[in-house]
Amino acid sequence: MNTPPSRLGADRSDKSTVRIGALVPLTRPGWTEAGRHLLAGLELAVADVNEAGGIGGRPLKLVIRDTRADPRLAVAAVAEFAHLGVTALVGEYHSVVARAAATEADALGLPFLCSSAVLDALTEEPTQWVARLAPAQSHGWQIYADFLLAAGHRRIAVATEPSVYWASGARILRDYLAPRGGTVIELDVRTLARAAICDELVRNGATAILLLTGFPEPAVPIVESVRADQRLAEIMIGAPAGQPEFAEWSRLLGEDGAAVPFLRYLPERLRPLGLRVETALRARLAEAPSFVAFEGYDTVAVLAAMLRAHGPDQARLAESWPEVAVEGTRGLIRFSRPPGISVWQWAWPPTQVVDRDPAQPDRFRVLTTS
């Protein structure tokens, strides 16, 4: 592994703490609810680490920067973290933002444990500096495609808007479903009015429409339009990216937001650590924690174990990804290099397809587990 040149002028005056840079979307246009859950998990884990004695007696400290779902802000934050002399980076939810951060971290030689972003190509070239807890998009979305096929869906519409992430998702679905008898019909939400989307669903004989769009706009109006159209009473609405996971979905859509299957990265049953963390996260958030909160907790738990084993030396941390074996909230975390993935990857976190129960929209139903 080539170690980049030292960062001249880095501020390393605070020797009493081990500082970790945290990238989190906390204000719009970022998905603030996801950011709040991610930060809750990160902060709870830091509190637990420090209560257990910190890192060699030194407390762990988060240095937090709001990315606002903007790749440029993320790149600037990574550069700032390098100047501040943080030991490593954690966090981020939005895949396109995480990709920009990972590229900069790789260039600067900063270890980055990405919590929640799933885009397969997190960096263009293989790197030793970046690892990821969330599953790659191709892994999760193929599980979702299998769920669609098992449910009898062969003509599947996707409502899309411009984004590397959404384009990648549409391609994964198309490439996986086509050899298995499925057809993917792409509907561009920039050019089609809500009523026109419904007309296209009827005209194409689609039995499912998947929301490959931002939230709340335009996802919420699309759901409302489809639910209100009697011609589409039997169509399934899906959201593989996980929009219905958060309480805001239910608040905005009520009963219309039920029975919308999505991907969630939790086991069927939490182990004792997961149950304890779930209780503590619920107290912090004043609501049920999402899988993103557990991803945040596991990120710090892994990094703390690495720091205890190897100290805050950045090059040594980056070399030690394959040595990781940490019991997280959702299972034993190890990193490997799956084919086609450019970063060190937990292969794979537990993955579910779930939806909100129409009889009780604040309760989740597990439809399939992998």
Protein backbone atom coordinates (compact mmCIF):
# COMPACT_ATOMS: atom_id res chain seq x y z
CA MET A 1 0.00 0.00 0.00
CA ASN A 2 1.39 3.39 -0.96
CA THR A 3 1.21 5.91 1.85
CA PRO A 4 0.50 9.44 0.59
CA PRO A 5 2.70 12.37 1.54
CA SER A 6 2.20 13.80 5.01
CA ARG A 7 -0.32 16.61 5.33
CA LEU A 8 1.68 19.70 6.18
CA GLY A 9 0.16 22.00 8.72
CA ALA A 10 -2.24 19.47 10.17
CA ASP A 11 -3.49 20.58 13.57
CA ARG A 12 -2.65 17.77 16.01
CA SER A 13 -2.66 19.91 19.15
CA ASP A 14 -5.39 17.88 20.91
CA LYS A 15 -3.49 14.85 22.20
CA SER A 16 -6.01 14.05 24.94
CA THR A 17 -8.66 12.62 22.61
CA VAL A 18 -8.87 10.31 19.63
CA ARG A 19 -10.85 12.29 17.08
CA ILE A 20 -13.01 10.74 14.38
CA GLY A 21 -14.51 12.77 11.54
CA ALA A 22 -18.22 12.06 11.00
CA LEU A 23 -20.08 12.86 7.76
CA VAL A 24 -23.84 13.11 8.26
CA PRO A 25 -26.73 14.72 6.31
CA LEU A 26 -28.37 16.94 8.93
CA THR A 27 -30.11 19.64 6.87
CA ARG A 28 -32.05 19.75 3.61
CA PRO A 29 -31.74 18.81 0.84
CA GLY A 30 -30.15 15.87 2.68
CA TRP A 31 -32.42 13.20 4.09
CA THR A 32 -32.39 14.65 7.59
CA GLU A 33 -34.32 11.84 9.25
CA ALA A 34 -31.76 9.30 8.05
CA GLY A 35 -29.00 11.65 9.20
CA ARG A 36 -30.54 11.98 12.65
CA HIS A 37 -30.72 8.21 13.06
CA LEU A 38 -27.18 7.71 11.76
CA LEU A 39 -25.82 10.32 14.16
CA ALA A 40 -27.74 8.80 17.09
CA GLY A 41 -26.06 5.45 16.44
CA LEU A 42 -22.61 7.01 16.09
CA GLU A 43 -22.99 9.04 19.27
CA LEU A 44 -24.36 6.17 21.34
CA ALA A 45 -21.45 3.96 20.36
CA VAL A 46 -18.94 6.71 21.22
CA ALA A 47 -20.59 7.06 24.64
CA ASP A 48 -20.36 3.29 25.19
CA VAL A 49 -16.69 3.23 24.12
CA ASN A 50 -15.83 6.07 26.48
CA GLU A 51 -17.76 4.52 29.35
CA ALA A 52 -15.65 1.39 28.85
CA GLY A 53 -12.38 3.35 29.13
CA GLY A 54 -12.01 4.89 25.68
CA ILE A 55 -9.02 4.06 23.48
CA GLY A 56 -6.10 3.27 25.76
CA GLY A 57 -7.53 5.64 28.34
CA ARG A 58 -8.13 8.43 25.82
CA PRO A 59 -11.75 9.37 25.07
CA LEU A 60 -13.12 8.98 21.58
CA LYS A 61 -14.58 12.18 20.12
CA LEU A 62 -16.69 12.78 17.02
CA VAL A 63 -16.00 15.85 14.88
CA ILE A 64 -19.27 16.23 12.96
CA ARG A 65 -19.85 17.90 9.60
CA ASP A 66 -23.20 18.27 7.83
CA THR A 67 -23.00 17.14 4.18
CA ARG A 68 -26.51 18.31 3.21
CA ALA A 69 -26.42 15.53 0.54
CA ASP A 70 -23.89 17.65 -1.38
CA PRO A 71 -20.78 15.83 -2.70
CA ARG A 72 -18.84 19.10 -2.79
CA LEU A 73 -19.47 19.73 0.90
CA ALA A 74 -18.37 16.19 1.66
CA VAL A 75 -15.10 16.63 -0.23
CA ALA A 76 -14.45 19.92 1.59
CA ALA A 77 -15.21 18.26 4.93
CA VAL A 78 -12.77 15.40 4.26
CA ALA A 79 -10.05 17.92 3.39
CA GLU A 80 -10.83 19.81 6.60
CA PHE A 81 -10.66 16.60 8.63
CA ALA A 82 -7.25 15.87 7.14
CA HIS A 83 -6.06 19.34 8.19
CA LEU A 84 -7.44 18.79 11.70
CA GLY A 85 -5.56 15.51 11.98
CA VAL A 86 -8.50 13.21 12.69
CA THR A 87 -7.60 9.55 12.90
CA ALA A 88 -10.33 8.23 10.60
CA LEU A 89 -13.68 9.01 8.99
CA VAL A 90 -17.10 7.46 9.54
CA GLY A 91 -20.67 7.95 8.41
CA GLU A 92 -22.63 9.20 5.42
CA TYR A 93 -25.96 7.97 4.14
CA HIS A 94 -26.28 9.25 0.56
CA SER A 95 -24.40 7.04 -1.90
CA VAL A 96 -23.29 9.77 -4.31
CA VAL A 97 -21.99 11.85 -1.39
CA ALA A 98 -20.21 8.87 0.13
CA ARG A 99 -18.55 8.15 -3.20
CA ALA A 100 -17.13 11.69 -3.33
CA ALA A 101 -15.95 11.41 0.27
CA ALA A 102 -14.38 7.99 -0.33
CA THR A 103 -12.48 9.27 -3.37
CA GLU A 104 -11.06 12.18 -1.35
CA ALA A 105 -10.24 9.96 1.63
CA ASP A 106 -8.39 7.60 -0.69
CA ALA A 107 -6.41 10.49 -2.19
CA LEU A 108 -5.47 11.89 1.23
CA GLY A 109 -4.76 8.58 2.95
CA LEU A 110 -7.52 8.76 5.56
CA PRO A 111 -9.18 5.51 6.69
CA PHE A 112 -12.93 5.78 5.98
CA LEU A 113 -15.49 3.32 7.32
CA CYS A 114 -18.65 4.11 5.38
CA SER A 115 -21.76 3.39 7.41
CA SER A 116 -24.76 3.34 5.13
CA ALA A 117 -24.18 4.12 1.44
CA VAL A 118 -24.59 1.19 -0.97
CA LEU A 119 -23.42 2.27 -4.45
CA ASP A 120 -21.24 -0.58 -5.75
CA ALA A 121 -18.52 1.69 -7.18
CA LEU A 122 -17.78 3.63 -3.99
CA THR A 123 -14.39 4.35 -5.55
CA GLU A 124 -13.41 4.04 -9.20
CA GLU A 125 -10.26 2.03 -8.42
CA PRO A 126 -9.61 -0.52 -5.67
CA THR A 127 -8.44 1.13 -2.45
CA GLN A 128 -7.05 0.01 0.90
CA TRP A 129 -8.27 3.13 2.67
CA VAL A 130 -12.05 2.59 2.52
CA ALA A 131 -14.33 -0.06 4.00
CA ARG A 132 -18.11 -0.31 4.14
CA LEU A 133 -20.75 -1.83 6.42
CA ALA A 134 -23.84 -1.50 4.23
CA PRO A 135 -24.26 -4.13 1.49
CA ALA A 136 -23.45 -3.23 -2.08
CA GLN A 137 -26.48 -2.11 -4.08
CA SER A 138 -26.22 -5.04 -6.48
CA HIS A 139 -26.42 -7.51 -3.60
CA GLY A 140 -29.47 -5.98 -1.92
CA TRP A 141 -31.36 -5.12 -5.07
CA GLN A 142 -30.94 -8.62 -6.49
CA ILE A 143 -32.54 -9.94 -3.30
CA TYR A 144 -35.37 -7.49 -3.94
CA ALA A 145 -35.65 -8.66 -7.56
CA ASP A 146 -35.95 -12.27 -6.37
CA PHE A 147 -38.76 -11.14 -4.07
CA LEU A 148 -40.57 -9.54 -7.02
CA LEU A 149 -40.27 -12.69 -9.12
CA ALA A 150 -41.44 -14.91 -6.27
CA ALA A 151 -44.49 -12.66 -5.88
CA GLY A 152 -45.33 -13.17 -9.56
CA HIS A 153 -44.24 -9.79 -10.91
CA ARG A 154 -42.83 -9.87 -14.43
CA ARG A 155 -43.75 -6.46 -15.84
CA ILE A 156 -42.19 -3.96 -13.48
CA ALA A 157 -42.21 -0.19 -13.93
CA VAL A 158 -39.60 2.02 -12.30
CA ALA A 159 -40.29 5.71 -11.68
CA THR A 160 -36.88 7.32 -12.02
CA GLU A 161 -35.15 10.68 -11.86
CA PRO A 162 -31.55 11.59 -12.78
CA SER A 163 -28.96 10.21 -10.37
CA VAL A 164 -26.03 7.84 -10.58
CA TYR A 165 -27.64 5.90 -7.74
CA TRP A 166 -31.07 5.54 -9.36
CA ALA A 167 -29.54 4.73 -12.76
CA SER A 168 -27.43 2.04 -11.12
CA GLY A 169 -30.51 0.59 -9.41
CA ALA A 170 -32.50 0.49 -12.64
CA ARG A 171 -29.60 -1.24 -14.41
CA ILE A 172 -29.23 -3.85 -11.66
CA LEU A 173 -32.94 -4.68 -11.85
CA ARG A 174 -33.01 -4.78 -15.65
CA ASP A 175 -29.91 -6.96 -15.95
CA TYR A 176 -31.08 -9.37 -13.25
CA LEU A 177 -34.73 -9.66 -14.25
CA ALA A 178 -34.38 -9.90 -18.02
CA PRO A 179 -32.79 -13.38 -18.10
CA ARG A 180 -35.50 -14.56 -15.67
CA GLY A 181 -38.46 -13.44 -17.75
CA GLY A 182 -38.90 -10.00 -16.22
CA THR A 183 -39.32 -6.68 -18.02
CA VAL A 184 -38.36 -3.28 -16.61
CA ILE A 185 -40.27 -0.25 -17.93
CA GLU A 186 -38.61 3.07 -17.10
CA LEU A 187 -40.82 6.12 -16.46
CA ASP A 188 -39.02 9.48 -16.23
CA VAL A 189 -40.74 11.52 -13.52
CA ARG A 190 -39.24 14.73 -14.93
CA THR A 191 -41.33 14.49 -18.10
CA LEU A 192 -44.45 12.64 -16.93
CA ALA A 193 -47.21 14.21 -14.86
CA ARG A 194 -48.65 12.09 -12.05
CA ALA A 195 -51.74 11.22 -14.10
CA ALA A 196 -49.53 10.31 -17.06
CA ILE A 197 -47.53 7.92 -14.88
CA CYS A 198 -50.76 6.13 -14.01
CA ASP A 199 -51.75 6.01 -17.68
CA GLU A 200 -48.38 4.49 -18.58
CA LEU A 201 -48.73 1.84 -15.90
CA VAL A 202 -52.10 0.80 -17.33
CA ARG A 203 -50.91 0.94 -20.95
CA ASN A 204 -47.86 -1.23 -20.22
CA GLY A 205 -49.71 -3.76 -18.08
CA ALA A 206 -47.32 -3.24 -15.18
CA THR A 207 -48.07 -5.20 -12.01
CA ALA A 208 -45.57 -3.27 -9.87
CA ILE A 209 -44.10 0.22 -9.79
CA LEU A 210 -40.87 0.89 -7.93
CA LEU A 211 -39.96 4.31 -6.60
CA LEU A 212 -36.44 5.16 -7.74
CA THR A 213 -36.91 8.77 -6.71
CA GLY A 214 -36.22 11.24 -3.95
CA PHE A 215 -38.33 11.58 -0.80
CA PRO A 216 -40.67 13.24 0.01
CA GLU A 217 -40.74 14.70 -3.51
CA PRO A 218 -41.66 13.17 -5.89
CA ALA A 219 -42.18 9.83 -4.12
CA VAL A 220 -45.14 10.89 -1.95
CA PRO A 221 -47.27 12.42 -4.76
CA ILE A 222 -46.63 9.36 -6.95
CA VAL A 223 -47.86 7.02 -4.22
CA GLU A 224 -50.95 9.18 -3.65
CA SER A 225 -51.75 9.25 -7.36
CA VAL A 226 -51.35 5.52 -7.85
CA ARG A 227 -53.39 4.69 -4.74
CA ALA A 228 -56.20 6.99 -5.91
CA ASP A 229 -56.44 5.45 -9.40
CA GLN A 230 -59.04 2.67 -9.42
CA ARG A 231 -57.47 1.14 -12.52
CA LEU A 232 -54.37 0.38 -10.41
CA ALA A 233 -56.06 -1.11 -7.39
CA GLU A 234 -54.06 -4.35 -7.71
CA ILE A 235 -50.65 -2.85 -8.52
CA MET A 236 -47.82 -3.23 -6.03
CA ILE A 237 -45.82 -0.13 -5.08
CA GLY A 238 -42.25 -0.85 -4.01
CA ALA A 239 -39.32 1.20 -2.69
CA PRO A 240 -36.12 -0.86 -2.67
CA ALA A 241 -34.06 2.12 -1.44
CA GLY A 242 -35.89 2.05 1.89
CA GLN A 243 -37.91 5.27 1.94
CA PRO A 244 -40.74 3.70 4.05
CA GLU A 245 -38.30 2.79 6.85
CA PHE A 246 -38.61 6.19 8.49
CA ALA A 247 -41.52 7.58 10.47
CA GLU A 248 -41.89 10.57 8.14
CA TRP A 249 -43.12 8.20 5.41
CA SER A 250 -45.99 7.07 7.61
CA ARG A 251 -46.74 10.59 8.80
CA LEU A 252 -47.06 11.88 5.25
CA LEU A 253 -48.86 8.94 3.66
CA GLY A 254 -50.78 7.22 6.44
CA GLU A 255 -52.60 4.14 5.14
CA ASP A 256 -51.43 4.88 1.58
CA GLY A 257 -47.87 4.21 2.74
CA ALA A 258 -48.58 0.66 3.94
CA ALA A 259 -47.82 -2.47 1.89
CA VAL A 260 -44.86 -0.83 0.11
CA PRO A 261 -42.01 -3.40 0.30
CA PHE A 262 -38.49 -2.09 0.86
CA LEU A 263 -35.02 -3.29 1.81
CA ARG A 264 -33.91 -3.19 5.43
CA TYR A 265 -30.58 -4.39 6.82
CA LEU A 266 -31.57 -6.06 10.08
CA PRO A 267 -31.62 -9.69 11.25
CA GLU A 268 -34.86 -11.51 11.95
CA ARG A 269 -34.01 -11.39 15.65
CA LEU A 270 -31.56 -9.08 17.40
CA ARG A 271 -28.95 -10.59 19.69
CA PRO A 272 -28.46 -9.31 23.27
CA LEU A 273 -26.15 -6.47 22.16
CA GLY A 274 -28.64 -5.45 19.48
CA LEU A 275 -31.51 -5.50 21.96
CA ARG A 276 -29.61 -3.32 24.44
CA VAL A 277 -28.63 -0.86 21.71
CA GLU A 278 -32.19 -0.80 20.36
CA THR A 279 -33.49 0.24 23.79
CA ALA A 280 -30.87 2.97 24.16
CA LEU A 281 -31.46 4.27 20.61
CA ARG A 282 -35.21 4.38 21.17
CA ALA A 283 -34.61 6.56 24.23
CA ARG A 284 -32.33 8.92 22.27
CA LEU A 285 -34.60 9.20 19.23
CA ALA A 286 -37.98 9.08 21.01
CA GLU A 287 -39.07 6.60 18.32
CA ALA A 288 -38.14 3.19 16.99
CA PRO A 289 -34.58 3.18 15.60
CA SER A 290 -34.14 2.46 11.90
CA PHE A 291 -31.52 0.11 10.50
CA VAL A 292 -29.46 3.24 9.75
CA ALA A 293 -29.08 3.89 13.48
CA PHE A 294 -27.72 0.36 13.96
CA GLU A 295 -25.31 0.94 11.07
CA GLY A 296 -24.04 4.04 12.86
CA TYR A 297 -23.49 2.15 16.10
CA ASP A 298 -21.70 -0.72 14.38
CA THR A 299 -19.41 1.70 12.55
CA VAL A 300 -17.95 3.09 15.75
CA ALA A 301 -17.88 -0.34 17.43
CA VAL A 302 -15.70 -1.68 14.59
CA LEU A 303 -13.42 1.34 14.46
CA ALA A 304 -12.98 1.35 18.25
CA ALA A 305 -11.92 -2.30 18.17
CA MET A 306 -9.39 -1.49 15.44
CA LEU A 307 -8.04 1.48 17.40
CA ARG A 308 -7.64 -0.59 20.55
CA ALA A 309 -5.74 -3.23 18.60
CA HIS A 310 -3.54 -1.01 16.45
CA GLY A 311 -3.60 2.51 17.90
CA PRO A 312 -4.40 5.68 15.92
CA ASP A 313 -1.82 5.11 13.18
CA GLN A 314 -3.71 5.68 9.94
CA ALA A 315 -1.62 3.44 7.68
CA ARG A 316 -1.84 0.57 10.20
CA LEU A 317 -5.60 0.98 10.45
CA ALA A 318 -5.96 0.87 6.67
CA GLU A 319 -3.90 -2.33 6.56
CA SER A 320 -5.99 -4.03 9.24
CA TRP A 321 -9.44 -4.24 7.56
CA PRO A 322 -8.98 -7.96 6.76
CA GLU A 323 -8.16 -8.66 10.44
CA VAL A 324 -11.48 -7.29 11.73
CA ALA A 325 -13.78 -9.68 13.58
CA VAL A 326 -16.20 -7.61 15.69
CA GLU A 327 -19.54 -8.66 17.14
CA GLY A 328 -21.90 -5.87 16.09
CA THR A 329 -25.55 -5.28 16.77
CA ARG A 330 -26.54 -7.32 13.72
CA GLY A 331 -23.97 -10.12 13.70
CA LEU A 332 -20.26 -10.78 13.36
CA ILE A 333 -18.60 -8.15 11.15
CA ARG A 334 -15.70 -9.16 8.92
CA PHE A 335 -14.37 -7.50 5.77
CA SER A 336 -13.44 -9.08 2.45
CA ARG A 337 -13.09 -8.06 -1.20
CA PRO A 338 -16.09 -9.45 -3.11
CA PRO A 339 -15.74 -9.46 -6.91
CA GLY A 340 -16.56 -6.11 -8.48
CA ILE A 341 -16.39 -4.17 -5.18
CA SER A 342 -13.54 -1.66 -4.89
CA VAL A 343 -13.52 -1.28 -1.09
CA TRP A 344 -13.29 -3.59 1.91
CA GLN A 345 -16.82 -4.88 2.38
CA TRP A 346 -18.87 -6.60 5.09
CA ALA A 347 -20.23 -9.41 2.89
CA TRP A 348 -22.98 -9.46 3.83
CA PRO A 349 -25.16 -7.82 6.48
CA PRO A 350 -28.51 -9.49 7.15
CA THR A 351 -31.03 -8.27 4.58
CA GLN A 352 -34.83 -8.23 4.71
CA VAL A 353 -37.65 -7.20 2.44
CA VAL A 354 -40.30 -5.67 4.71
CA ASP A 355 -43.34 -3.42 4.51
CA ARG A 356 -45.66 -1.53 6.82
CA ASP A 357 -48.67 -3.55 7.92
CA PRO A 358 -51.92 -2.15 6.40
CA ALA A 359 -53.72 -3.05 9.63
CA GLN A 360 -51.16 -1.16 11.73
CA PRO A 361 -48.90 1.10 9.63
CA ASP A 362 -46.41 1.70 12.45
CA ARG A 363 -45.65 -2.03 12.54
CA PHE A 364 -43.35 -3.76 10.04
CA ARG A 365 -43.98 -7.13 8.38
CA VAL A 366 -40.98 -9.19 7.33
CA LEU A 367 -41.73 -10.58 3.86
CA THR A 368 -38.41 -12.33 3.19
CA THR A 369 -35.01 -12.60 4.87
CA SER A 370 -31.59 -13.29 3.41
